[in-house]
Amino acid sequence: MRTLNFRRAARSSALGTVALIAALSLTACQGEDPEPFDDHASASAGSSSRTPAESSGASGDKGTAAPATDQGKDSAGSSTGSGSGSGSGGGTSTAKPKDSSGNSGNAVTEACTGANTKLSITEVQRPANHMLLTMTNTGSKACNAYYYPALQFGEAQSVPKTFEESKPQAVATINPGESAYTAVMTSSADGSGSNGYSTKDLNVSFQNRDGNSDGTGSSVSVPLSKSTYVDSSLTVTYWQMSMDEALQY
């Protein structure tokens, strides 16, 4: 009887041991399941375990990728790029410099004078007490209208003042058949001028590149349609390429 009880106890012990081992195995398996889940979560959230190279190469980080070397050179017009224009030297320009009239070619050095131009003067409504002097190139080559015209109304002993703010960035270059313009304020609109007088005589002299009349020939007489009143406020603009530019002073 004692032997039977011992066998039962041993069997129960063995079954208990098997059950314990099975339970431990199940617990171990359940402990390993979260690992794949954790890896997946860290990858989708941009885990710090990724290297900088992997981060910059991700599909969502295209904006941080370094640009191709050739692309930067082409956009900047590098001389090593092929370019899209007709020139084979990329961004290097071989065009000749342009004068103020927009024409390419050799630089114009000939001064506009009475020998290659025609002058006319007209009264304008606005601004008040203003006239517009027009110089048209009648020659076969372009000429430069240097600085401003030297005007002599009647028996005046000095040339008028100039609107210094009208000085252009480049000399006015006139092609054959084209014109340049000077605005002339004959007297002050508020009556502040002095030593006023009326005249129908006007003589115009020209300037060269050095700012004097050497080599520009004699002055040109420009007929006035009627007697014109001038006073100490008499002021002229530099030669301009358009009427609007001249008459804004």
C-alpha atoms as a PDB file:
ATOM      1  CA  MET A   1       0.000   0.000   0.000  1.00  0.00           C
ATOM      2  CA  ARG A   2       2.882   2.323   0.871  1.00  0.00           C
ATOM      3  CA  THR A   3       4.509   1.473  -2.457  1.00  0.00           C
ATOM      4  CA  LEU A   4       1.339   2.437  -4.351  1.00  0.00           C
ATOM      5  CA  ASN A   5       1.140   5.786  -2.587  1.00  0.00           C
ATOM      6  CA  PHE A   6       4.771   6.475  -3.373  1.00  0.00           C
ATOM      7  CA  ARG A   7       4.178   5.750  -7.071  1.00  0.00           C
ATOM      8  CA  ARG A   8       1.169   8.057  -7.102  1.00  0.00           C
ATOM      9  CA  ALA A   9       3.169  10.780  -5.419  1.00  0.00           C
ATOM     10  CA  ALA A  10       6.010  10.350  -7.889  1.00  0.00           C
ATOM     11  CA  ARG A  11       3.569  10.461 -10.796  1.00  0.00           C
ATOM     12  CA  SER A  12       1.946  13.609  -9.446  1.00  0.00           C
ATOM     13  CA  SER A  13       5.390  15.131  -8.960  1.00  0.00           C
ATOM     14  CA  ALA A  14       6.378  14.286 -12.525  1.00  0.00           C
ATOM     15  CA  LEU A  15       3.171  15.750 -13.905  1.00  0.00           C
ATOM     16  CA  GLY A  16       3.704  18.844 -11.812  1.00  0.00           C
ATOM     17  CA  THR A  17       7.228  19.192 -13.180  1.00  0.00           C
ATOM     18  CA  VAL A  18       6.010  18.858 -16.775  1.00  0.00           C
ATOM     19  CA  ALA A  19       3.321  21.438 -16.139  1.00  0.00           C
ATOM     20  CA  LEU A  20       5.902  23.801 -14.606  1.00  0.00           C
ATOM     21  CA  ILE A  21       8.236  23.415 -17.598  1.00  0.00           C
ATOM     22  CA  ALA A  22       5.372  24.063 -20.041  1.00  0.00           C
ATOM     23  CA  ALA A  23       4.359  27.153 -18.097  1.00  0.00           C
ATOM     24  CA  LEU A  24       7.921  28.488 -18.112  1.00  0.00           C
ATOM     25  CA  SER A  25       8.213  27.853 -21.859  1.00  0.00           C
ATOM     26  CA  LEU A  26       4.949  29.732 -22.509  1.00  0.00           C
ATOM     27  CA  THR A  27       6.124  32.643 -20.390  1.00  0.00           C
ATOM     28  CA  ALA A  28       9.423  32.844 -22.316  1.00  0.00           C
ATOM     29  CA  CYS A  29       7.616  32.895 -25.647  1.00  0.00           C
ATOM     30  CA  GLN A  30       5.263  35.630 -24.514  1.00  0.00           C
ATOM     31  CA  GLY A  31       8.238  37.749 -23.410  1.00  0.00           C
ATOM     32  CA  GLU A  32       9.812  37.684 -26.919  1.00  0.00           C
ATOM     33  CA  ASP A  33       6.706  38.868 -28.847  1.00  0.00           C
ATOM     34  CA  PRO A  34       7.048  42.714 -28.259  1.00  0.00           C
ATOM     35  CA  GLU A  35      10.502  42.924 -29.888  1.00  0.00           C
ATOM     36  CA  PRO A  36       9.296  43.085 -33.533  1.00  0.00           C
ATOM     37  CA  PHE A  37       6.594  45.595 -32.554  1.00  0.00           C
ATOM     38  CA  ASP A  38       9.124  47.898 -30.884  1.00  0.00           C
ATOM     39  CA  ASP A  39      11.436  47.840 -33.912  1.00  0.00           C
ATOM     40  CA  HIS A  40       8.595  48.700 -36.249  1.00  0.00           C
ATOM     41  CA  ALA A  41       7.491  51.612 -34.058  1.00  0.00           C
ATOM     42  CA  SER A  42      10.975  53.144 -33.845  1.00  0.00           C
ATOM     43  CA  ALA A  43      11.526  52.946 -37.603  1.00  0.00           C
ATOM     44  CA  SER A  44       8.290  54.701 -38.520  1.00  0.00           C
ATOM     45  CA  ALA A  45       8.928  57.421 -35.952  1.00  0.00           C
ATOM     46  CA  GLY A  46      12.470  58.153 -37.100  1.00  0.00           C
ATOM     47  CA  SER A  47      14.349  56.445 -34.270  1.00  0.00           C
ATOM     48  CA  SER A  48      17.719  57.838 -33.287  1.00  0.00           C
ATOM     49  CA  SER A  49      19.196  54.414 -34.012  1.00  0.00           C
ATOM     50  CA  ARG A  50      19.235  55.354 -37.728  1.00  0.00           C
ATOM     51  CA  THR A  51      22.509  56.767 -38.992  1.00  0.00           C
ATOM     52  CA  PRO A  52      22.688  60.282 -40.565  1.00  0.00           C
ATOM     53  CA  ALA A  53      23.315  58.697 -43.944  1.00  0.00           C
ATOM     54  CA  GLU A  54      20.167  56.593 -43.628  1.00  0.00           C
ATOM     55  CA  SER A  55      18.148  59.622 -42.516  1.00  0.00           C
ATOM     56  CA  SER A  56      19.198  61.785 -45.465  1.00  0.00           C
ATOM     57  CA  GLY A  57      18.489  59.011 -47.911  1.00  0.00           C
ATOM     58  CA  ALA A  58      14.943  58.296 -46.686  1.00  0.00           C
ATOM     59  CA  SER A  59      12.095  58.746 -49.127  1.00  0.00           C
ATOM     60  CA  GLY A  60      10.543  61.495 -47.010  1.00  0.00           C
ATOM     61  CA  ASP A  61      13.769  63.546 -46.739  1.00  0.00           C
ATOM     62  CA  LYS A  62      14.394  64.508 -50.366  1.00  0.00           C
ATOM     63  CA  GLY A  63      14.764  68.152 -49.464  1.00  0.00           C
ATOM     64  CA  THR A  64      17.879  67.489 -47.405  1.00  0.00           C
ATOM     65  CA  ALA A  65      19.727  65.573 -50.099  1.00  0.00           C
ATOM     66  CA  ALA A  66      22.796  67.337 -51.535  1.00  0.00           C
ATOM     67  CA  PRO A  67      22.241  68.721 -55.081  1.00  0.00           C
ATOM     68  CA  ALA A  68      24.099  67.241 -57.998  1.00  0.00           C
ATOM     69  CA  THR A  69      27.363  69.035 -58.735  1.00  0.00           C
ATOM     70  CA  ASP A  70      26.591  69.720 -62.409  1.00  0.00           C
ATOM     71  CA  GLN A  71      23.205  71.212 -61.600  1.00  0.00           C
ATOM     72  CA  GLY A  72      24.708  73.993 -59.493  1.00  0.00           C
ATOM     73  CA  LYS A  73      27.173  74.938 -62.210  1.00  0.00           C
ATOM     74  CA  ASP A  74      24.587  75.024 -64.967  1.00  0.00           C
ATOM     75  CA  SER A  75      22.183  77.251 -63.048  1.00  0.00           C
ATOM     76  CA  ALA A  76      24.976  79.683 -62.295  1.00  0.00           C
ATOM     77  CA  GLY A  77      26.072  79.853 -65.916  1.00  0.00           C
ATOM     78  CA  SER A  78      29.490  78.338 -65.303  1.00  0.00           C
ATOM     79  CA  SER A  79      31.908  78.364 -68.207  1.00  0.00           C
ATOM     80  CA  THR A  80      32.195  74.597 -67.831  1.00  0.00           C
ATOM     81  CA  GLY A  81      28.507  74.025 -68.503  1.00  0.00           C
ATOM     82  CA  SER A  82      27.109  73.441 -71.972  1.00  0.00           C
ATOM     83  CA  GLY A  83      24.295  75.993 -71.552  1.00  0.00           C
ATOM     84  CA  SER A  84      21.061  76.201 -73.507  1.00  0.00           C
ATOM     85  CA  GLY A  85      21.908  79.202 -75.676  1.00  0.00           C
ATOM     86  CA  SER A  86      23.575  79.334 -79.041  1.00  0.00           C
ATOM     87  CA  GLY A  87      27.009  79.958 -77.521  1.00  0.00           C
ATOM     88  CA  SER A  88      29.162  76.959 -76.689  1.00  0.00           C
ATOM     89  CA  GLY A  89      30.867  78.612 -73.723  1.00  0.00           C
ATOM     90  CA  GLY A  90      28.038  78.306 -71.224  1.00  0.00           C
ATOM     91  CA  GLY A  91      27.428  81.568 -69.350  1.00  0.00           C
ATOM     92  CA  THR A  92      30.371  83.473 -70.833  1.00  0.00           C
ATOM     93  CA  SER A  93      29.051  86.299 -72.987  1.00  0.00           C
ATOM     94  CA  THR A  94      30.819  87.303 -76.157  1.00  0.00           C
ATOM     95  CA  ALA A  95      28.392  90.105 -77.033  1.00  0.00           C
ATOM     96  CA  LYS A  96      29.870  93.549 -77.570  1.00  0.00           C
ATOM     97  CA  PRO A  97      28.894  96.268 -75.079  1.00  0.00           C
ATOM     98  CA  LYS A  98      25.850  98.362 -75.883  1.00  0.00           C
ATOM     99  CA  ASP A  99      25.521 102.107 -75.851  1.00  0.00           C
ATOM    100  CA  SER A 100      22.579 103.956 -74.311  1.00  0.00           C
ATOM    101  CA  SER A 101      20.512 103.520 -77.480  1.00  0.00           C
ATOM    102  CA  GLY A 102      20.678  99.717 -77.101  1.00  0.00           C
ATOM    103  CA  ASN A 103      22.867  99.028 -80.125  1.00  0.00           C
ATOM    104  CA  SER A 104      25.788  96.628 -80.002  1.00  0.00           C
ATOM    105  CA  GLY A 105      29.064  97.258 -81.741  1.00  0.00           C
ATOM    106  CA  ASN A 106      32.091  99.431 -81.281  1.00  0.00           C
ATOM    107  CA  ALA A 107      31.793 102.242 -78.749  1.00  0.00           C
ATOM    108  CA  VAL A 108      30.578 105.556 -80.181  1.00  0.00           C
ATOM    109  CA  THR A 109      32.994 108.449 -79.640  1.00  0.00           C
ATOM    110  CA  GLU A 110      31.853 111.042 -82.162  1.00  0.00           C
ATOM    111  CA  ALA A 111      30.159 114.050 -80.565  1.00  0.00           C
ATOM    112  CA  CYS A 112      26.854 115.406 -81.790  1.00  0.00           C
ATOM    113  CA  THR A 113      27.403 118.870 -83.296  1.00  0.00           C
ATOM    114  CA  GLY A 114      25.747 121.290 -85.657  1.00  0.00           C
ATOM    115  CA  ALA A 115      27.389 119.433 -88.538  1.00  0.00           C
ATOM    116  CA  ASN A 116      25.584 116.128 -87.971  1.00  0.00           C
ATOM    117  CA  THR A 117      22.341 117.186 -86.249  1.00  0.00           C
ATOM    118  CA  LYS A 118      19.316 119.451 -86.628  1.00  0.00           C
ATOM    119  CA  LEU A 119      17.849 121.432 -83.718  1.00  0.00           C
ATOM    120  CA  SER A 120      14.306 122.602 -83.049  1.00  0.00           C
ATOM    121  CA  ILE A 121      12.596 124.055 -79.972  1.00  0.00           C
ATOM    122  CA  THR A 122       8.915 124.097 -79.032  1.00  0.00           C
ATOM    123  CA  GLU A 123       6.891 125.443 -76.143  1.00  0.00           C
ATOM    124  CA  VAL A 124       5.077 122.885 -73.962  1.00  0.00           C
ATOM    125  CA  GLN A 125       2.028 123.285 -71.747  1.00  0.00           C
ATOM    126  CA  ARG A 126       3.419 121.287 -68.859  1.00  0.00           C
ATOM    127  CA  PRO A 127       5.486 121.899 -66.880  1.00  0.00           C
ATOM    128  CA  ALA A 128       4.762 125.617 -66.822  1.00  0.00           C
ATOM    129  CA  ASN A 129       7.293 127.957 -68.456  1.00  0.00           C
ATOM    130  CA  HIS A 130       9.087 125.077 -70.156  1.00  0.00           C
ATOM    131  CA  MET A 131      10.312 124.487 -73.700  1.00  0.00           C
ATOM    132  CA  LEU A 132      11.598 121.292 -75.323  1.00  0.00           C
ATOM    133  CA  LEU A 133      14.780 121.340 -77.370  1.00  0.00           C
ATOM    134  CA  THR A 134      15.033 118.443 -79.838  1.00  0.00           C
ATOM    135  CA  MET A 135      18.269 117.329 -81.498  1.00  0.00           C
ATOM    136  CA  THR A 136      17.930 114.895 -84.433  1.00  0.00           C
ATOM    137  CA  ASN A 137      20.863 113.001 -85.914  1.00  0.00           C
ATOM    138  CA  THR A 138      21.030 113.847 -89.643  1.00  0.00           C
ATOM    139  CA  GLY A 139      24.353 112.108 -90.235  1.00  0.00           C
ATOM    140  CA  SER A 140      25.212 108.579 -91.323  1.00  0.00           C
ATOM    141  CA  LYS A 141      26.756 107.467 -88.011  1.00  0.00           C
ATOM    142  CA  ALA A 142      25.689 107.444 -84.390  1.00  0.00           C
ATOM    143  CA  CYS A 143      26.837 110.359 -82.245  1.00  0.00           C
ATOM    144  CA  ASN A 144      26.964 111.125 -78.527  1.00  0.00           C
ATOM    145  CA  ALA A 145      25.028 114.015 -77.025  1.00  0.00           C
ATOM    146  CA  TYR A 146      27.514 114.888 -74.301  1.00  0.00           C
ATOM    147  CA  TYR A 147      26.341 116.566 -71.102  1.00  0.00           C
ATOM    148  CA  TYR A 148      23.863 119.382 -71.914  1.00  0.00           C
ATOM    149  CA  PRO A 149      23.561 122.155 -74.510  1.00  0.00           C
ATOM    150  CA  ALA A 150      25.020 125.603 -73.838  1.00  0.00           C
ATOM    151  CA  LEU A 151      22.155 127.984 -74.518  1.00  0.00           C
ATOM    152  CA  GLN A 152      22.358 131.708 -75.200  1.00  0.00           C
ATOM    153  CA  PHE A 153      19.058 133.554 -75.218  1.00  0.00           C
ATOM    154  CA  GLY A 154      19.481 137.009 -76.751  1.00  0.00           C
ATOM    155  CA  GLU A 155      22.567 138.790 -75.461  1.00  0.00           C
ATOM    156  CA  ALA A 156      23.086 136.621 -72.379  1.00  0.00           C
ATOM    157  CA  GLN A 157      26.689 136.535 -71.182  1.00  0.00           C
ATOM    158  CA  SER A 158      26.534 133.192 -69.366  1.00  0.00           C
ATOM    159  CA  VAL A 159      25.071 129.756 -69.960  1.00  0.00           C
ATOM    160  CA  PRO A 160      22.034 128.582 -67.979  1.00  0.00           C
ATOM    161  CA  LYS A 161      22.177 126.465 -64.859  1.00  0.00           C
ATOM    162  CA  THR A 162      21.496 122.727 -65.147  1.00  0.00           C
ATOM    163  CA  PHE A 163      19.238 120.300 -63.309  1.00  0.00           C
ATOM    164  CA  GLU A 164      22.009 118.117 -61.878  1.00  0.00           C
ATOM    165  CA  GLU A 165      19.504 115.442 -60.875  1.00  0.00           C
ATOM    166  CA  SER A 166      18.791 114.940 -64.590  1.00  0.00           C
ATOM    167  CA  LYS A 167      22.306 113.606 -65.265  1.00  0.00           C
ATOM    168  CA  PRO A 168      21.859 110.181 -66.896  1.00  0.00           C
ATOM    169  CA  GLN A 169      23.883 107.108 -66.013  1.00  0.00           C
ATOM    170  CA  ALA A 170      25.175 106.865 -69.580  1.00  0.00           C
ATOM    171  CA  VAL A 171      25.726 109.347 -72.358  1.00  0.00           C
ATOM    172  CA  ALA A 172      22.807 109.752 -74.766  1.00  0.00           C
ATOM    173  CA  THR A 173      23.820 108.040 -78.017  1.00  0.00           C
ATOM    174  CA  ILE A 174      21.740 108.993 -81.051  1.00  0.00           C
ATOM    175  CA  ASN A 175      21.522 106.765 -84.096  1.00  0.00           C
ATOM    176  CA  PRO A 176      20.901 108.282 -87.534  1.00  0.00           C
ATOM    177  CA  GLY A 177      17.337 109.571 -87.722  1.00  0.00           C
ATOM    178  CA  GLU A 178      16.800 109.410 -83.954  1.00  0.00           C
ATOM    179  CA  SER A 179      16.614 112.257 -81.453  1.00  0.00           C
ATOM    180  CA  ALA A 180      17.654 113.366 -77.976  1.00  0.00           C
ATOM    181  CA  TYR A 181      15.896 115.962 -75.842  1.00  0.00           C
ATOM    182  CA  THR A 182      16.585 118.762 -73.385  1.00  0.00           C
ATOM    183  CA  ALA A 183      13.962 120.516 -71.281  1.00  0.00           C
ATOM    184  CA  VAL A 184      14.417 124.257 -70.777  1.00  0.00           C
ATOM    185  CA  MET A 185      12.789 126.084 -67.870  1.00  0.00           C
ATOM    186  CA  THR A 186      12.753 129.646 -69.170  1.00  0.00           C
ATOM    187  CA  SER A 187      11.526 131.366 -65.996  1.00  0.00           C
ATOM    188  CA  SER A 188      10.219 130.550 -62.540  1.00  0.00           C
ATOM    189  CA  ALA A 189       6.519 129.806 -62.246  1.00  0.00           C
ATOM    190  CA  ASP A 190       6.217 131.688 -58.945  1.00  0.00           C
ATOM    191  CA  GLY A 191       7.883 134.854 -60.211  1.00  0.00           C
ATOM    192  CA  SER A 192      10.925 134.487 -57.978  1.00  0.00           C
ATOM    193  CA  GLY A 193      13.367 134.985 -60.882  1.00  0.00           C
ATOM    194  CA  SER A 194      15.061 138.293 -61.577  1.00  0.00           C
ATOM    195  CA  ASN A 195      16.612 140.231 -64.475  1.00  0.00           C
ATOM    196  CA  GLY A 196      13.975 139.007 -66.884  1.00  0.00           C
ATOM    197  CA  TYR A 197      13.853 139.956 -70.543  1.00  0.00           C
ATOM    198  CA  SER A 198      12.208 138.823 -73.781  1.00  0.00           C
ATOM    199  CA  THR A 199      13.993 137.667 -76.920  1.00  0.00           C
ATOM    200  CA  LYS A 200      13.478 135.823 -80.182  1.00  0.00           C
ATOM    201  CA  ASP A 201      17.117 134.800 -80.538  1.00  0.00           C
ATOM    202  CA  LEU A 202      18.590 131.510 -79.376  1.00  0.00           C
ATOM    203  CA  ASN A 203      22.030 130.068 -80.077  1.00  0.00           C
ATOM    204  CA  VAL A 204      23.037 126.542 -79.055  1.00  0.00           C
ATOM    205  CA  SER A 205      26.587 125.235 -78.542  1.00  0.00           C
ATOM    206  CA  PHE A 206      27.666 121.631 -78.040  1.00  0.00           C
ATOM    207  CA  GLN A 207      30.074 119.868 -75.710  1.00  0.00           C
ATOM    208  CA  ASN A 208      32.643 117.168 -76.332  1.00  0.00           C
ATOM    209  CA  ARG A 209      33.602 114.200 -74.194  1.00  0.00           C
ATOM    210  CA  ASP A 210      35.788 116.415 -71.992  1.00  0.00           C
ATOM    211  CA  GLY A 211      32.950 118.814 -71.245  1.00  0.00           C
ATOM    212  CA  ASN A 212      34.059 121.744 -73.381  1.00  0.00           C
ATOM    213  CA  SER A 213      33.290 123.022 -76.897  1.00  0.00           C
ATOM    214  CA  ASP A 214      36.671 122.209 -78.483  1.00  0.00           C
ATOM    215  CA  GLY A 215      36.179 120.538 -81.842  1.00  0.00           C
ATOM    216  CA  THR A 216      32.387 120.849 -81.802  1.00  0.00           C
ATOM    217  CA  GLY A 217      32.181 123.676 -84.323  1.00  0.00           C
ATOM    218  CA  SER A 218      30.358 126.960 -84.075  1.00  0.00           C
ATOM    219  CA  SER A 219      27.052 127.512 -82.305  1.00  0.00           C
ATOM    220  CA  VAL A 220      23.773 126.945 -84.118  1.00  0.00           C
ATOM    221  CA  SER A 221      21.016 129.562 -84.347  1.00  0.00           C
ATOM    222  CA  VAL A 222      17.632 128.084 -83.472  1.00  0.00           C
ATOM    223  CA  PRO A 223      14.609 130.182 -84.502  1.00  0.00           C
ATOM    224  CA  LEU A 224      11.945 130.911 -81.869  1.00  0.00           C
ATOM    225  CA  SER A 225       8.358 131.031 -83.046  1.00  0.00           C
ATOM    226  CA  LYS A 226       7.643 134.009 -80.792  1.00  0.00           C
ATOM    227  CA  SER A 227       9.312 136.254 -78.267  1.00  0.00           C
ATOM    228  CA  THR A 228      10.289 134.254 -75.195  1.00  0.00           C
ATOM    229  CA  TYR A 229      10.608 135.608 -71.673  1.00  0.00           C
ATOM    230  CA  VAL A 230      13.600 134.367 -69.654  1.00  0.00           C
ATOM    231  CA  ASP A 231      14.962 135.332 -66.246  1.00  0.00           C
ATOM    232  CA  SER A 232      17.615 134.241 -63.755  1.00  0.00           C
ATOM    233  CA  SER A 233      15.742 130.961 -63.166  1.00  0.00           C
ATOM    234  CA  LEU A 234      16.698 129.739 -66.650  1.00  0.00           C
ATOM    235  CA  THR A 235      17.711 126.064 -66.261  1.00  0.00           C
ATOM    236  CA  VAL A 236      18.272 123.140 -68.651  1.00  0.00           C
ATOM    237  CA  THR A 237      18.457 119.358 -68.311  1.00  0.00           C
ATOM    238  CA  TYR A 238      21.140 117.006 -69.553  1.00  0.00           C
ATOM    239  CA  TRP A 239      20.408 115.406 -72.916  1.00  0.00           C
ATOM    240  CA  GLN A 240      17.827 112.650 -72.499  1.00  0.00           C
ATOM    241  CA  MET A 241      16.730 109.811 -74.753  1.00  0.00           C
ATOM    242  CA  SER A 242      13.002 110.543 -74.385  1.00  0.00           C
ATOM    243  CA  MET A 243      10.710 113.562 -74.058  1.00  0.00           C
ATOM    244  CA  ASP A 244       9.185 112.231 -70.846  1.00  0.00           C
ATOM    245  CA  GLU A 245      12.570 111.906 -69.192  1.00  0.00           C
ATOM    246  CA  ALA A 246      13.441 115.476 -70.136  1.00  0.00           C
ATOM    247  CA  LEU A 247      10.136 117.041 -69.090  1.00  0.00           C
ATOM    248  CA  GLN A 248      10.012 115.515 -65.615  1.00  0.00           C
ATOM    249  CA  TYR A 249      12.304 118.273 -64.299  1.00  0.00           C
END
